[in-house]
Amino acid sequence: MIRSTDAHLLVAALAMTAASVPSLAQTTHQFEATEYYNTFSFSHPPALRIRPGDRVVTRTIDARGRDWNGTQVAEGPNPQIGPFYVEGAEPGDVLVVRLEKIEPNRDWAFSSTVLAPYAADPSFLRYEGEHEQQSERWDVDSVARVARPSTPALRAQHIEIPFRPMLGCVAVAPPRKEAVWTATPGVFGGNLDYFGMVEGVTVMLPVFEPGALLFIGDGHVRQGEGEVLGNALEISMDVEFSVDLIKGGQIGWPRLETEDAIIVLGSARPLLQALQHATTELQRWLMTDYGYDERGSSLLMGHAMEYEVVQVVDPHFTIAAKMPKSFLTP
């Protein structure tokens, strides 16, 4: 468990987490879900109690509720496993989730086949575009690590998508005792659908309820920026993750750390407001943990920050504000 005493300690703690240094008391839990949830909520009973430093080995089902055998075991959208109760987590803390493994565990996926309404000009969708949305079944080749459409007409177009396995949903119980539909992202995480939520990433979420109550689900073989079909290559996953805590961390929006960058995910409608949330939180992160003042962080962001359009199809849209670590003060 990490205690936030000053900015330097917090940075060192996050660096240690990013390097996946295990706790001496680490326990590995084998978890198989028997219940799935379509809301992120404090009201769902804990499925498993774990401690900071622990690792969980588990499986998720796809966005329509089918498991690794293709069996319908839950209803969509995005049925979640968990919640995982993290001992010692209290409101005002930061839950740190290290994604250790994300790997498809069956040989087919599905996706939609035409662009979602918010991703294209309305005039195109109304007058020129296909009016019937269809679902495509994809063949998932775990040896070549590519996915190919199964419909002959689409297969003839030589569409072949390399694997980049990711999780669409990583969340804690939302604030204010809300129950939020699993299609939705927010300050608590949720259906972020960030294409960078891949193996090796460290995710940081604000804690609003005792135990944090961690939910995960919605595995994708791959997803492009914007999630412009309204979904991705949807599949069930083998997942392993570990958890830690930053006591009193006080963050406002989901944060991610990779080997090369620090990233904030802001969600809202309109898209401009999501951008504002992500930008503001990134500046706060730079000022709190990296030693910049407002003017210094503004200059750095003005010339080095990168934006990514994460998704434009969920009830709230999501923008990523990203700062490459090569620009950061050691």
C-alpha atoms as a PDB file:
ATOM      1  CA  MET A   1       0.000   0.000   0.000  1.00  0.00           C
ATOM      2  CA  ILE A   2       1.340   3.413  -1.021  1.00  0.00           C
ATOM      3  CA  ARG A   3       0.947   6.466   1.192  1.00  0.00           C
ATOM      4  CA  SER A   4       0.984   9.870  -0.488  1.00  0.00           C
ATOM      5  CA  THR A   5       3.219  12.069   1.677  1.00  0.00           C
ATOM      6  CA  ASP A   6       4.714  14.349  -0.972  1.00  0.00           C
ATOM      7  CA  ALA A   7       4.962  14.682  -4.720  1.00  0.00           C
ATOM      8  CA  HIS A   8       8.324  12.920  -4.984  1.00  0.00           C
ATOM      9  CA  LEU A   9       7.081   9.912  -3.044  1.00  0.00           C
ATOM     10  CA  LEU A  10       3.941   9.756  -5.187  1.00  0.00           C
ATOM     11  CA  VAL A  11       5.974   9.781  -8.397  1.00  0.00           C
ATOM     12  CA  ALA A  12       8.293   7.111  -7.012  1.00  0.00           C
ATOM     13  CA  ALA A  13       5.291   5.038  -5.965  1.00  0.00           C
ATOM     14  CA  LEU A  14       3.737   5.219  -9.417  1.00  0.00           C
ATOM     15  CA  ALA A  15       7.052   4.353 -11.009  1.00  0.00           C
ATOM     16  CA  MET A  16       7.320   1.322  -8.749  1.00  0.00           C
ATOM     17  CA  THR A  17       3.800   0.280  -9.705  1.00  0.00           C
ATOM     18  CA  ALA A  18       4.543   0.769 -13.405  1.00  0.00           C
ATOM     19  CA  ALA A  19       7.542  -1.524 -13.010  1.00  0.00           C
ATOM     20  CA  SER A  20       5.236  -4.116 -11.424  1.00  0.00           C
ATOM     21  CA  VAL A  21       7.308  -4.645  -8.295  1.00  0.00           C
ATOM     22  CA  PRO A  22       5.307  -7.274  -6.374  1.00  0.00           C
ATOM     23  CA  SER A  23       4.436  -6.963  -2.710  1.00  0.00           C
ATOM     24  CA  LEU A  24       6.189  -9.439  -0.438  1.00  0.00           C
ATOM     25  CA  ALA A  25       2.740 -10.497   0.733  1.00  0.00           C
ATOM     26  CA  GLN A  26       1.302 -10.908  -2.753  1.00  0.00           C
ATOM     27  CA  THR A  27      -1.418 -13.523  -3.117  1.00  0.00           C
ATOM     28  CA  THR A  28      -2.576 -14.823  -6.492  1.00  0.00           C
ATOM     29  CA  HIS A  29      -6.330 -15.452  -6.704  1.00  0.00           C
ATOM     30  CA  GLN A  30      -7.945 -17.727  -9.295  1.00  0.00           C
ATOM     31  CA  PHE A  31     -11.375 -16.190  -9.880  1.00  0.00           C
ATOM     32  CA  GLU A  32     -14.255 -17.518 -11.997  1.00  0.00           C
ATOM     33  CA  ALA A  33     -17.299 -15.269 -12.171  1.00  0.00           C
ATOM     34  CA  THR A  34     -20.756 -16.665 -11.455  1.00  0.00           C
ATOM     35  CA  GLU A  35     -22.572 -13.318 -11.592  1.00  0.00           C
ATOM     36  CA  TYR A  36     -22.290 -10.537 -14.173  1.00  0.00           C
ATOM     37  CA  TYR A  37     -23.513  -6.950 -13.920  1.00  0.00           C
ATOM     38  CA  ASN A  38     -24.788  -4.352 -16.383  1.00  0.00           C
ATOM     39  CA  THR A  39     -24.331  -1.427 -14.007  1.00  0.00           C
ATOM     40  CA  PHE A  40     -21.343  -0.028 -12.163  1.00  0.00           C
ATOM     41  CA  SER A  41     -22.722   0.322  -8.637  1.00  0.00           C
ATOM     42  CA  PHE A  42     -21.875   0.217  -4.942  1.00  0.00           C
ATOM     43  CA  SER A  43     -24.917  -2.021  -4.425  1.00  0.00           C
ATOM     44  CA  HIS A  44     -23.444  -5.168  -6.001  1.00  0.00           C
ATOM     45  CA  PRO A  45     -21.983  -7.520  -3.377  1.00  0.00           C
ATOM     46  CA  PRO A  46     -18.218  -8.081  -3.546  1.00  0.00           C
ATOM     47  CA  ALA A  47     -17.335 -11.141  -5.601  1.00  0.00           C
ATOM     48  CA  LEU A  48     -13.827 -11.385  -4.123  1.00  0.00           C
ATOM     49  CA  ARG A  49     -11.888  -9.530  -1.434  1.00  0.00           C
ATOM     50  CA  ILE A  50      -8.258  -8.810  -2.282  1.00  0.00           C
ATOM     51  CA  ARG A  51      -5.382  -6.835  -0.749  1.00  0.00           C
ATOM     52  CA  PRO A  52      -2.968  -4.285  -2.202  1.00  0.00           C
ATOM     53  CA  GLY A  53      -0.243  -6.213  -4.001  1.00  0.00           C
ATOM     54  CA  ASP A  54      -2.517  -9.152  -4.859  1.00  0.00           C
ATOM     55  CA  ARG A  55      -2.890 -10.588  -8.343  1.00  0.00           C
ATOM     56  CA  VAL A  56      -6.111 -11.936  -9.881  1.00  0.00           C
ATOM     57  CA  VAL A  57      -6.248 -14.522 -12.687  1.00  0.00           C
ATOM     58  CA  THR A  58      -9.683 -14.550 -14.318  1.00  0.00           C
ATOM     59  CA  ARG A  59     -11.783 -14.512 -17.504  1.00  0.00           C
ATOM     60  CA  THR A  60     -14.216 -11.995 -18.958  1.00  0.00           C
ATOM     61  CA  ILE A  61     -17.101 -12.592 -21.365  1.00  0.00           C
ATOM     62  CA  ASP A  62     -17.938 -10.602 -24.480  1.00  0.00           C
ATOM     63  CA  ALA A  63     -20.098  -7.480 -24.792  1.00  0.00           C
ATOM     64  CA  ARG A  64     -23.227  -9.527 -25.611  1.00  0.00           C
ATOM     65  CA  GLY A  65     -22.757 -11.941 -22.725  1.00  0.00           C
ATOM     66  CA  ARG A  66     -21.199 -14.966 -24.454  1.00  0.00           C
ATOM     67  CA  ASP A  67     -18.295 -16.760 -22.832  1.00  0.00           C
ATOM     68  CA  TRP A  68     -15.187 -18.527 -24.192  1.00  0.00           C
ATOM     69  CA  ASN A  69     -17.341 -21.489 -25.275  1.00  0.00           C
ATOM     70  CA  GLY A  70     -19.840 -19.251 -27.059  1.00  0.00           C
ATOM     71  CA  THR A  71     -22.439 -19.943 -24.367  1.00  0.00           C
ATOM     72  CA  GLN A  72     -24.859 -17.157 -23.466  1.00  0.00           C
ATOM     73  CA  VAL A  73     -24.251 -16.613 -19.734  1.00  0.00           C
ATOM     74  CA  ALA A  74     -25.341 -12.972 -19.307  1.00  0.00           C
ATOM     75  CA  GLU A  75     -27.123 -10.113 -21.026  1.00  0.00           C
ATOM     76  CA  GLY A  76     -25.458  -7.179 -22.787  1.00  0.00           C
ATOM     77  CA  PRO A  77     -24.256  -4.587 -22.993  1.00  0.00           C
ATOM     78  CA  ASN A  78     -20.804  -5.102 -21.511  1.00  0.00           C
ATOM     79  CA  PRO A  79     -21.526  -7.507 -18.636  1.00  0.00           C
ATOM     80  CA  GLN A  80     -18.884  -6.986 -15.947  1.00  0.00           C
ATOM     81  CA  ILE A  81     -17.084  -9.336 -13.602  1.00  0.00           C
ATOM     82  CA  GLY A  82     -16.479  -8.336  -9.987  1.00  0.00           C
ATOM     83  CA  PRO A  83     -16.762  -6.203  -8.089  1.00  0.00           C
ATOM     84  CA  PHE A  84     -13.416  -6.833  -6.406  1.00  0.00           C
ATOM     85  CA  TYR A  85     -13.229  -5.362  -2.915  1.00  0.00           C
ATOM     86  CA  VAL A  86      -9.741  -3.978  -2.228  1.00  0.00           C
ATOM     87  CA  GLU A  87      -8.974  -4.044   1.476  1.00  0.00           C
ATOM     88  CA  GLY A  88      -7.985  -0.644   2.847  1.00  0.00           C
ATOM     89  CA  ALA A  89      -9.378   1.386  -0.060  1.00  0.00           C
ATOM     90  CA  GLU A  90     -11.295   4.439   1.156  1.00  0.00           C
ATOM     91  CA  PRO A  91     -12.934   7.441  -0.535  1.00  0.00           C
ATOM     92  CA  GLY A  92     -10.210   9.899  -1.501  1.00  0.00           C
ATOM     93  CA  ASP A  93      -7.648   7.189  -2.270  1.00  0.00           C
ATOM     94  CA  VAL A  94      -6.443   6.123  -5.713  1.00  0.00           C
ATOM     95  CA  LEU A  95      -6.820   2.542  -6.870  1.00  0.00           C
ATOM     96  CA  VAL A  96      -3.902   1.400  -9.032  1.00  0.00           C
ATOM     97  CA  VAL A  97      -4.654  -1.462 -11.433  1.00  0.00           C
ATOM     98  CA  ARG A  98      -1.809  -3.054 -13.349  1.00  0.00           C
ATOM     99  CA  LEU A  99      -3.017  -4.978 -16.435  1.00  0.00           C
ATOM    100  CA  GLU A 100      -0.673  -7.966 -16.486  1.00  0.00           C
ATOM    101  CA  LYS A 101      -2.310 -10.089 -19.194  1.00  0.00           C
ATOM    102  CA  ILE A 102      -5.100  -9.563 -21.748  1.00  0.00           C
ATOM    103  CA  GLU A 103      -5.442 -12.423 -24.226  1.00  0.00           C
ATOM    104  CA  PRO A 104      -8.379 -13.633 -26.398  1.00  0.00           C
ATOM    105  CA  ASN A 105      -9.544 -17.101 -25.379  1.00  0.00           C
ATOM    106  CA  ARG A 106     -11.711 -18.212 -28.311  1.00  0.00           C
ATOM    107  CA  ASP A 107     -11.448 -18.345 -32.108  1.00  0.00           C
ATOM    108  CA  TRP A 108     -14.146 -15.842 -33.100  1.00  0.00           C
ATOM    109  CA  ALA A 109     -15.203 -12.268 -32.447  1.00  0.00           C
ATOM    110  CA  PHE A 110     -17.959  -9.988 -33.715  1.00  0.00           C
ATOM    111  CA  SER A 111     -18.387  -6.364 -34.739  1.00  0.00           C
ATOM    112  CA  SER A 112     -20.837  -4.093 -36.516  1.00  0.00           C
ATOM    113  CA  THR A 113     -20.322  -3.384 -40.220  1.00  0.00           C
ATOM    114  CA  VAL A 114     -21.243   0.276 -40.895  1.00  0.00           C
ATOM    115  CA  LEU A 115     -20.208   3.517 -39.220  1.00  0.00           C
ATOM    116  CA  ALA A 116     -22.035   4.634 -36.097  1.00  0.00           C
ATOM    117  CA  PRO A 117     -24.259   7.757 -36.353  1.00  0.00           C
ATOM    118  CA  TYR A 118     -21.898  10.183 -34.604  1.00  0.00           C
ATOM    119  CA  ALA A 119     -18.895   9.107 -36.687  1.00  0.00           C
ATOM    120  CA  ALA A 120     -20.049  10.333 -40.116  1.00  0.00           C
ATOM    121  CA  ASP A 121     -21.905  13.208 -41.765  1.00  0.00           C
ATOM    122  CA  PRO A 122     -25.679  12.836 -41.268  1.00  0.00           C
ATOM    123  CA  SER A 123     -26.263  13.514 -44.958  1.00  0.00           C
ATOM    124  CA  PHE A 124     -24.020  10.585 -45.915  1.00  0.00           C
ATOM    125  CA  LEU A 125     -25.756   8.272 -43.464  1.00  0.00           C
ATOM    126  CA  ARG A 126     -29.196   9.360 -44.648  1.00  0.00           C
ATOM    127  CA  TYR A 127     -28.719   9.366 -48.408  1.00  0.00           C
ATOM    128  CA  GLU A 128     -25.622   7.355 -49.343  1.00  0.00           C
ATOM    129  CA  GLY A 129     -24.760   4.980 -46.525  1.00  0.00           C
ATOM    130  CA  GLU A 130     -26.046   1.490 -45.819  1.00  0.00           C
ATOM    131  CA  HIS A 131     -29.224   1.761 -43.773  1.00  0.00           C
ATOM    132  CA  GLU A 132     -29.082  -1.721 -42.294  1.00  0.00           C
ATOM    133  CA  GLN A 133     -26.539  -2.360 -39.566  1.00  0.00           C
ATOM    134  CA  GLN A 134     -25.320  -5.945 -39.589  1.00  0.00           C
ATOM    135  CA  SER A 135     -23.103  -7.997 -37.333  1.00  0.00           C
ATOM    136  CA  GLU A 136     -19.984  -9.605 -38.755  1.00  0.00           C
ATOM    137  CA  ARG A 137     -18.439 -12.734 -37.315  1.00  0.00           C
ATOM    138  CA  TRP A 138     -14.631 -12.644 -37.428  1.00  0.00           C
ATOM    139  CA  ASP A 139     -12.254 -15.591 -37.480  1.00  0.00           C
ATOM    140  CA  VAL A 140      -9.607 -15.085 -34.801  1.00  0.00           C
ATOM    141  CA  ASP A 141      -6.287 -16.738 -35.651  1.00  0.00           C
ATOM    142  CA  SER A 142      -4.294 -17.005 -32.421  1.00  0.00           C
ATOM    143  CA  VAL A 143      -1.244 -18.411 -34.268  1.00  0.00           C
ATOM    144  CA  ALA A 144      -0.914 -15.654 -36.882  1.00  0.00           C
ATOM    145  CA  ARG A 145      -2.452 -13.225 -34.349  1.00  0.00           C
ATOM    146  CA  VAL A 146      -4.818 -11.666 -36.848  1.00  0.00           C
ATOM    147  CA  ALA A 147      -8.605 -11.476 -37.258  1.00  0.00           C
ATOM    148  CA  ARG A 148     -10.367 -11.836 -40.610  1.00  0.00           C
ATOM    149  CA  PRO A 149     -14.059 -11.334 -41.536  1.00  0.00           C
ATOM    150  CA  SER A 150     -15.876 -14.558 -42.295  1.00  0.00           C
ATOM    151  CA  THR A 151     -18.353 -13.232 -44.881  1.00  0.00           C
ATOM    152  CA  PRO A 152     -16.959 -14.115 -48.361  1.00  0.00           C
ATOM    153  CA  ALA A 153     -17.607 -10.656 -49.863  1.00  0.00           C
ATOM    154  CA  LEU A 154     -15.688  -8.988 -47.043  1.00  0.00           C
ATOM    155  CA  ARG A 155     -12.974 -11.633 -46.961  1.00  0.00           C
ATOM    156  CA  ALA A 156     -12.370 -11.023 -50.673  1.00  0.00           C
ATOM    157  CA  GLN A 157     -11.393  -7.429 -49.798  1.00  0.00           C
ATOM    158  CA  HIS A 158      -8.344  -8.791 -47.941  1.00  0.00           C
ATOM    159  CA  ILE A 159      -9.212  -7.219 -44.606  1.00  0.00           C
ATOM    160  CA  GLU A 160      -6.838  -8.580 -41.974  1.00  0.00           C
ATOM    161  CA  ILE A 161      -6.565  -6.982 -38.545  1.00  0.00           C
ATOM    162  CA  PRO A 162      -3.548  -7.688 -36.289  1.00  0.00           C
ATOM    163  CA  PHE A 163      -4.196  -8.378 -32.621  1.00  0.00           C
ATOM    164  CA  ARG A 164      -3.989  -5.568 -30.087  1.00  0.00           C
ATOM    165  CA  PRO A 165      -5.983  -7.039 -27.173  1.00  0.00           C
ATOM    166  CA  MET A 166      -7.523  -4.495 -24.794  1.00  0.00           C
ATOM    167  CA  LEU A 167     -10.250  -4.024 -22.200  1.00  0.00           C
ATOM    168  CA  GLY A 168     -13.107  -1.647 -22.916  1.00  0.00           C
ATOM    169  CA  CYS A 169     -14.188  -1.416 -19.265  1.00  0.00           C
ATOM    170  CA  VAL A 170     -12.173  -0.852 -16.100  1.00  0.00           C
ATOM    171  CA  ALA A 171     -14.133   0.889 -13.345  1.00  0.00           C
ATOM    172  CA  VAL A 172     -14.753   1.476  -9.677  1.00  0.00           C
ATOM    173  CA  ALA A 173     -18.149   2.105  -8.078  1.00  0.00           C
ATOM    174  CA  PRO A 174     -19.255   5.626  -9.108  1.00  0.00           C
ATOM    175  CA  PRO A 175     -19.676   8.580  -6.721  1.00  0.00           C
ATOM    176  CA  ARG A 176     -22.918   9.693  -5.041  1.00  0.00           C
ATOM    177  CA  LYS A 177     -24.267   6.122  -4.794  1.00  0.00           C
ATOM    178  CA  GLU A 178     -25.065   6.166  -8.498  1.00  0.00           C
ATOM    179  CA  ALA A 179     -25.737   3.065 -10.565  1.00  0.00           C
ATOM    180  CA  VAL A 180     -24.336   3.729 -14.048  1.00  0.00           C
ATOM    181  CA  TRP A 181     -25.132   1.683 -17.161  1.00  0.00           C
ATOM    182  CA  THR A 182     -22.120  -0.302 -18.398  1.00  0.00           C
ATOM    183  CA  ALA A 183     -22.156   1.475 -21.775  1.00  0.00           C
ATOM    184  CA  THR A 184     -21.053   4.686 -20.031  1.00  0.00           C
ATOM    185  CA  PRO A 185     -17.651   6.181 -19.115  1.00  0.00           C
ATOM    186  CA  GLY A 186     -17.023   8.772 -16.410  1.00  0.00           C
ATOM    187  CA  VAL A 187     -14.785   9.927 -13.571  1.00  0.00           C
ATOM    188  CA  PHE A 188     -14.965   6.380 -12.158  1.00  0.00           C
ATOM    189  CA  GLY A 189     -13.627   4.814 -15.360  1.00  0.00           C
ATOM    190  CA  GLY A 190     -16.304   2.609 -16.866  1.00  0.00           C
ATOM    191  CA  ASN A 191     -16.803   1.980 -20.572  1.00  0.00           C
ATOM    192  CA  LEU A 192     -13.801   4.062 -21.600  1.00  0.00           C
ATOM    193  CA  ASP A 193     -13.120   2.036 -24.762  1.00  0.00           C
ATOM    194  CA  TYR A 194      -9.555   3.337 -24.886  1.00  0.00           C
ATOM    195  CA  PHE A 195      -7.564   1.464 -27.527  1.00  0.00           C
ATOM    196  CA  GLY A 196      -4.496   1.888 -25.312  1.00  0.00           C
ATOM    197  CA  MET A 197      -5.960  -0.099 -22.388  1.00  0.00           C
ATOM    198  CA  VAL A 198      -3.608  -2.960 -23.179  1.00  0.00           C
ATOM    199  CA  GLU A 199      -1.391  -5.431 -21.366  1.00  0.00           C
ATOM    200  CA  GLY A 200       1.333  -3.678 -19.367  1.00  0.00           C
ATOM    201  CA  VAL A 201      -0.617  -0.465 -18.719  1.00  0.00           C
ATOM    202  CA  THR A 202      -1.128   0.935 -15.224  1.00  0.00           C
ATOM    203  CA  VAL A 203      -4.611   2.395 -14.619  1.00  0.00           C
ATOM    204  CA  MET A 204      -5.342   4.816 -11.761  1.00  0.00           C
ATOM    205  CA  LEU A 205      -8.923   5.458 -10.644  1.00  0.00           C
ATOM    206  CA  PRO A 206     -10.338   7.658  -7.867  1.00  0.00           C
ATOM    207  CA  VAL A 207     -11.993   5.719  -5.040  1.00  0.00           C
ATOM    208  CA  PHE A 208     -15.538   6.719  -4.032  1.00  0.00           C
ATOM    209  CA  GLU A 209     -16.676   3.728  -1.961  1.00  0.00           C
ATOM    210  CA  PRO A 210     -15.025   1.594   0.731  1.00  0.00           C
ATOM    211  CA  GLY A 211     -13.144  -1.207  -1.014  1.00  0.00           C
ATOM    212  CA  ALA A 212     -13.202   0.727  -4.320  1.00  0.00           C
ATOM    213  CA  LEU A 213     -15.308  -2.098  -5.890  1.00  0.00           C
ATOM    214  CA  LEU A 214     -13.407  -2.796  -9.095  1.00  0.00           C
ATOM    215  CA  PHE A 215     -15.248  -3.982 -12.230  1.00  0.00           C
ATOM    216  CA  ILE A 216     -13.675  -5.195 -15.494  1.00  0.00           C
ATOM    217  CA  GLY A 217     -15.018  -6.494 -18.804  1.00  0.00           C
ATOM    218  CA  ASP A 218     -15.678  -5.793 -22.503  1.00  0.00           C
ATOM    219  CA  GLY A 219     -12.635  -7.412 -24.134  1.00  0.00           C
ATOM    220  CA  HIS A 220     -11.587  -6.393 -27.660  1.00  0.00           C
ATOM    221  CA  VAL A 221      -9.173  -8.173 -30.003  1.00  0.00           C
ATOM    222  CA  ARG A 222      -8.526  -4.706 -31.402  1.00  0.00           C
ATOM    223  CA  GLN A 223     -10.235  -1.329 -31.666  1.00  0.00           C
ATOM    224  CA  GLY A 224      -9.423   1.727 -33.751  1.00  0.00           C
ATOM    225  CA  GLU A 225      -9.415   5.293 -32.452  1.00  0.00           C
ATOM    226  CA  GLY A 226     -12.937   6.661 -32.055  1.00  0.00           C
ATOM    227  CA  GLU A 227     -14.584   3.210 -31.965  1.00  0.00           C
ATOM    228  CA  VAL A 228     -16.405   4.405 -35.082  1.00  0.00           C
ATOM    229  CA  LEU A 229     -18.426   1.199 -35.625  1.00  0.00           C
ATOM    230  CA  GLY A 230     -20.011   1.592 -32.194  1.00  0.00           C
ATOM    231  CA  ASN A 231     -18.123  -1.493 -31.039  1.00  0.00           C
ATOM    232  CA  ALA A 232     -14.809  -3.246 -31.643  1.00  0.00           C
ATOM    233  CA  LEU A 233     -13.655  -6.812 -32.304  1.00  0.00           C
ATOM    234  CA  GLU A 234     -15.663  -8.089 -29.346  1.00  0.00           C
ATOM    235  CA  ILE A 235     -14.500 -11.256 -27.609  1.00  0.00           C
ATOM    236  CA  SER A 236     -14.005 -13.050 -24.290  1.00  0.00           C
ATOM    237  CA  MET A 237     -10.611 -12.712 -22.619  1.00  0.00           C
ATOM    238  CA  ASP A 238      -8.133 -14.326 -20.252  1.00  0.00           C
ATOM    239  CA  VAL A 239      -7.173 -11.497 -17.909  1.00  0.00           C
ATOM    240  CA  GLU A 240      -4.638 -11.101 -15.118  1.00  0.00           C
ATOM    241  CA  PHE A 241      -4.285  -7.935 -13.072  1.00  0.00           C
ATOM    242  CA  SER A 242      -2.775  -6.730  -9.824  1.00  0.00           C
ATOM    243  CA  VAL A 243      -3.847  -3.888  -7.534  1.00  0.00           C
ATOM    244  CA  ASP A 244      -2.301  -1.329  -5.226  1.00  0.00           C
ATOM    245  CA  LEU A 245      -3.410   1.822  -3.415  1.00  0.00           C
ATOM    246  CA  ILE A 246      -2.207   5.403  -3.208  1.00  0.00           C
ATOM    247  CA  LYS A 247      -3.593   6.715   0.062  1.00  0.00           C
ATOM    248  CA  GLY A 248      -5.021  10.215  -0.225  1.00  0.00           C
ATOM    249  CA  GLY A 249      -4.057  10.540  -3.889  1.00  0.00           C
ATOM    250  CA  GLN A 250      -7.059  12.729  -4.808  1.00  0.00           C
ATOM    251  CA  ILE A 251      -7.290  12.468  -8.608  1.00  0.00           C
ATOM    252  CA  GLY A 252     -10.238  13.731 -10.625  1.00  0.00           C
ATOM    253  CA  TRP A 253     -10.271  11.559 -13.779  1.00  0.00           C
ATOM    254  CA  PRO A 254      -8.863   8.180 -14.844  1.00  0.00           C
ATOM    255  CA  ARG A 255      -5.101   8.256 -15.353  1.00  0.00           C
ATOM    256  CA  LEU A 256      -2.911   5.775 -17.205  1.00  0.00           C
ATOM    257  CA  GLU A 257       0.804   5.245 -17.264  1.00  0.00           C
ATOM    258  CA  THR A 258       2.708   3.384 -19.954  1.00  0.00           C
ATOM    259  CA  GLU A 259       6.409   2.897 -20.483  1.00  0.00           C
ATOM    260  CA  ASP A 260       6.447   5.982 -22.701  1.00  0.00           C
ATOM    261  CA  ALA A 261       3.687   8.356 -21.543  1.00  0.00           C
ATOM    262  CA  ILE A 262       1.280   9.563 -18.894  1.00  0.00           C
ATOM    263  CA  ILE A 263      -2.330   9.816 -20.073  1.00  0.00           C
ATOM    264  CA  VAL A 264      -5.623  11.222 -18.762  1.00  0.00           C
ATOM    265  CA  LEU A 265      -9.048  10.120 -20.052  1.00  0.00           C
ATOM    266  CA  GLY A 266     -11.818  12.728 -19.889  1.00  0.00           C
ATOM    267  CA  SER A 267     -15.423  11.895 -20.803  1.00  0.00           C
ATOM    268  CA  ALA A 268     -18.434  14.128 -21.500  1.00  0.00           C
ATOM    269  CA  ARG A 269     -20.757  15.448 -24.173  1.00  0.00           C
ATOM    270  CA  PRO A 270     -19.958  17.544 -26.123  1.00  0.00           C
ATOM    271  CA  LEU A 271     -16.531  16.282 -27.175  1.00  0.00           C
ATOM    272  CA  LEU A 272     -15.027  19.686 -26.324  1.00  0.00           C
ATOM    273  CA  GLN A 273     -15.940  19.220 -22.673  1.00  0.00           C
ATOM    274  CA  ALA A 274     -14.251  15.813 -22.627  1.00  0.00           C
ATOM    275  CA  LEU A 275     -11.132  17.498 -24.030  1.00  0.00           C
ATOM    276  CA  GLN A 276     -11.310  20.147 -21.302  1.00  0.00           C
ATOM    277  CA  HIS A 277     -11.604  17.530 -18.550  1.00  0.00           C
ATOM    278  CA  ALA A 278      -8.628  15.586 -19.873  1.00  0.00           C
ATOM    279  CA  THR A 279      -6.496  18.691 -20.379  1.00  0.00           C
ATOM    280  CA  THR A 280      -7.208  20.089 -16.909  1.00  0.00           C
ATOM    281  CA  GLU A 281      -6.478  16.785 -15.168  1.00  0.00           C
ATOM    282  CA  LEU A 282      -3.226  16.347 -17.061  1.00  0.00           C
ATOM    283  CA  GLN A 283      -2.112  19.830 -16.013  1.00  0.00           C
ATOM    284  CA  ARG A 284      -2.959  19.074 -12.386  1.00  0.00           C
ATOM    285  CA  TRP A 285      -0.936  15.873 -12.622  1.00  0.00           C
ATOM    286  CA  LEU A 286       2.081  17.745 -13.985  1.00  0.00           C
ATOM    287  CA  MET A 287       1.826  20.380 -11.264  1.00  0.00           C
ATOM    288  CA  THR A 288       1.227  17.969  -8.381  1.00  0.00           C
ATOM    289  CA  ASP A 289       3.662  15.192  -9.189  1.00  0.00           C
ATOM    290  CA  TYR A 290       6.264  16.548 -11.602  1.00  0.00           C
ATOM    291  CA  GLY A 291       7.213  19.938 -10.128  1.00  0.00           C
ATOM    292  CA  TYR A 292       5.849  22.298 -12.790  1.00  0.00           C
ATOM    293  CA  ASP A 293       3.889  25.447 -11.927  1.00  0.00           C
ATOM    294  CA  GLU A 294       0.872  26.560 -13.944  1.00  0.00           C
ATOM    295  CA  ARG A 295       2.868  28.553 -16.495  1.00  0.00           C
ATOM    296  CA  GLY A 296       5.543  25.905 -16.875  1.00  0.00           C
ATOM    297  CA  SER A 297       3.028  23.097 -17.310  1.00  0.00           C
ATOM    298  CA  SER A 298       1.060  25.248 -19.773  1.00  0.00           C
ATOM    299  CA  LEU A 299       4.188  25.799 -21.886  1.00  0.00           C
ATOM    300  CA  LEU A 300       5.043  22.112 -21.807  1.00  0.00           C
ATOM    301  CA  MET A 301       1.517  21.085 -22.771  1.00  0.00           C
ATOM    302  CA  GLY A 302       1.321  23.728 -25.478  1.00  0.00           C
ATOM    303  CA  HIS A 303       4.303  22.287 -27.304  1.00  0.00           C
ATOM    304  CA  ALA A 304       4.439  18.606 -26.371  1.00  0.00           C
ATOM    305  CA  MET A 305       0.962  17.328 -25.431  1.00  0.00           C
ATOM    306  CA  GLU A 306      -0.865  14.929 -27.741  1.00  0.00           C
ATOM    307  CA  TYR A 307      -4.614  14.246 -28.022  1.00  0.00           C
ATOM    308  CA  GLU A 308      -6.304  11.003 -29.015  1.00  0.00           C
ATOM    309  CA  VAL A 309      -9.986  10.680 -29.906  1.00  0.00           C
ATOM    310  CA  VAL A 310     -10.863   7.627 -27.848  1.00  0.00           C
ATOM    311  CA  GLN A 311     -14.519   7.032 -28.685  1.00  0.00           C
ATOM    312  CA  VAL A 312     -17.474   9.008 -30.094  1.00  0.00           C
ATOM    313  CA  VAL A 313     -20.265   6.460 -29.654  1.00  0.00           C
ATOM    314  CA  ASP A 314     -20.947   5.995 -25.925  1.00  0.00           C
ATOM    315  CA  PRO A 315     -23.401   8.102 -23.881  1.00  0.00           C
ATOM    316  CA  HIS A 316     -20.364  10.277 -23.038  1.00  0.00           C
ATOM    317  CA  PHE A 317     -17.519  10.766 -25.523  1.00  0.00           C
ATOM    318  CA  THR A 318     -13.892  10.290 -24.428  1.00  0.00           C
ATOM    319  CA  ILE A 319     -10.659  12.155 -25.185  1.00  0.00           C
ATOM    320  CA  ALA A 320      -7.137  11.175 -24.103  1.00  0.00           C
ATOM    321  CA  ALA A 321      -4.631  13.899 -23.190  1.00  0.00           C
ATOM    322  CA  LYS A 322      -1.148  12.398 -23.430  1.00  0.00           C
ATOM    323  CA  MET A 323       2.289  13.617 -22.381  1.00  0.00           C
ATOM    324  CA  PRO A 324       5.329  11.668 -23.612  1.00  0.00           C
ATOM    325  CA  LYS A 325       7.706  10.931 -20.752  1.00  0.00           C
ATOM    326  CA  SER A 326      10.645  12.090 -22.852  1.00  0.00           C
ATOM    327  CA  PHE A 327       9.515  15.687 -22.181  1.00  0.00           C
ATOM    328  CA  LEU A 328       9.151  15.306 -18.411  1.00  0.00           C
ATOM    329  CA  THR A 329      11.621  16.554 -15.846  1.00  0.00           C
ATOM    330  CA  PRO A 330      13.434  13.589 -14.279  1.00  0.00           C
END
